[in-house]
């Protein structure tokens, strides 16, 4: 798809598509190192010691990049401690827990889901984004235009699909736009020279914001309508409910789940989070970002509390591979659930959180 969309040639990568790069591994080690410092500060682990057996449980989707991501995170957080990364045996296939596929086989649901995706898409103003992308890629001289007579992204039509046991899908300009902007974003994060990132055509912050609307819009339309999100996130919601509510007494002190941006996007809608803004980032679900669910106990009031934060690296922290510590931390944004109002410090009562999870797992 990338080659079809421009007459220009793409820079070479040193790993196959879909695999974690060396730089990606370094970024994850840094995030793991920071999270270790933060966990020690909160008294969940002891500095300089390996955590006791079963105190940390790591579970990743069974693809190279998710398992590798988990391994690098664990290396940064608990070096030399032999913390196992669990995953299903068959590598290269999606684990049902992390597979954001439609789990309802009725035609009525499929129709409703497609309508919901179309409605999400209709609410987006992407004309300016497509025009900029057409200029950057020289789309009029691309194979798509010359061979297939598809010469305008802004005038093309999107076709959505919601088939049983498949991910929500779209074909048309939104898919093309997402692929192109994703490629530029990854070039930027990887540290390609500026003149090689989108052939040196992205020069301002505003241009990045305009282009990122396509990547965010793709994800929002596919994974964040309530109808679709609740359906595709169900296995993951059940897993999290079990870890935080059901088996909480038996659960590890720290559970690490490594999936995909589509998992986070659908989870945020399935649990009905309030809208959020991530500062210093163009992406709504940035690469390497962590959704951190924290169980707290208030000794004074003798009650259990829940706090949820989005912990992620800024665009520049990713590009520059900045080491992360308590003194130079990643970005942190406190999130709130509509069904569990938070106090000034971002805490909501665990009893209310349990009700939200009970509703979401129905």
Foldseek 3Di string as FASTA:
>chain_A
DLQQQFVDDADDDPDDPPAQDPLNLLLLLLQLLAVLQVCCVVVLAPPPDARPPQQEAAEEWQERHQQSSRVSSCCSNGNPNPHDHDYDDDHPDTDLQQALAFADADPVLFVVLQVLLVVLLVVDDQLVLQVLVCVLRVRCPGNCCPVVVPRGQNPKDKGWTHHHPHATDIDGSLVVLLVLLVQLLVCQLQQPPCCNRSNVSDDDPVSNLSSLCSNQSRLCSRAQRQSSLLRRNQSNLVVVCCCVPVVVVSHHNHYHYGHDLSNVNSVCRLLAWDDDDFPLASHPRDPPKDWDWDWDADPVVRFIKIWIKIFDAHSVCSNVVDRAHPVRHHGIDTIGHPQFDADPVRIGGVVSVNVSSVVSND
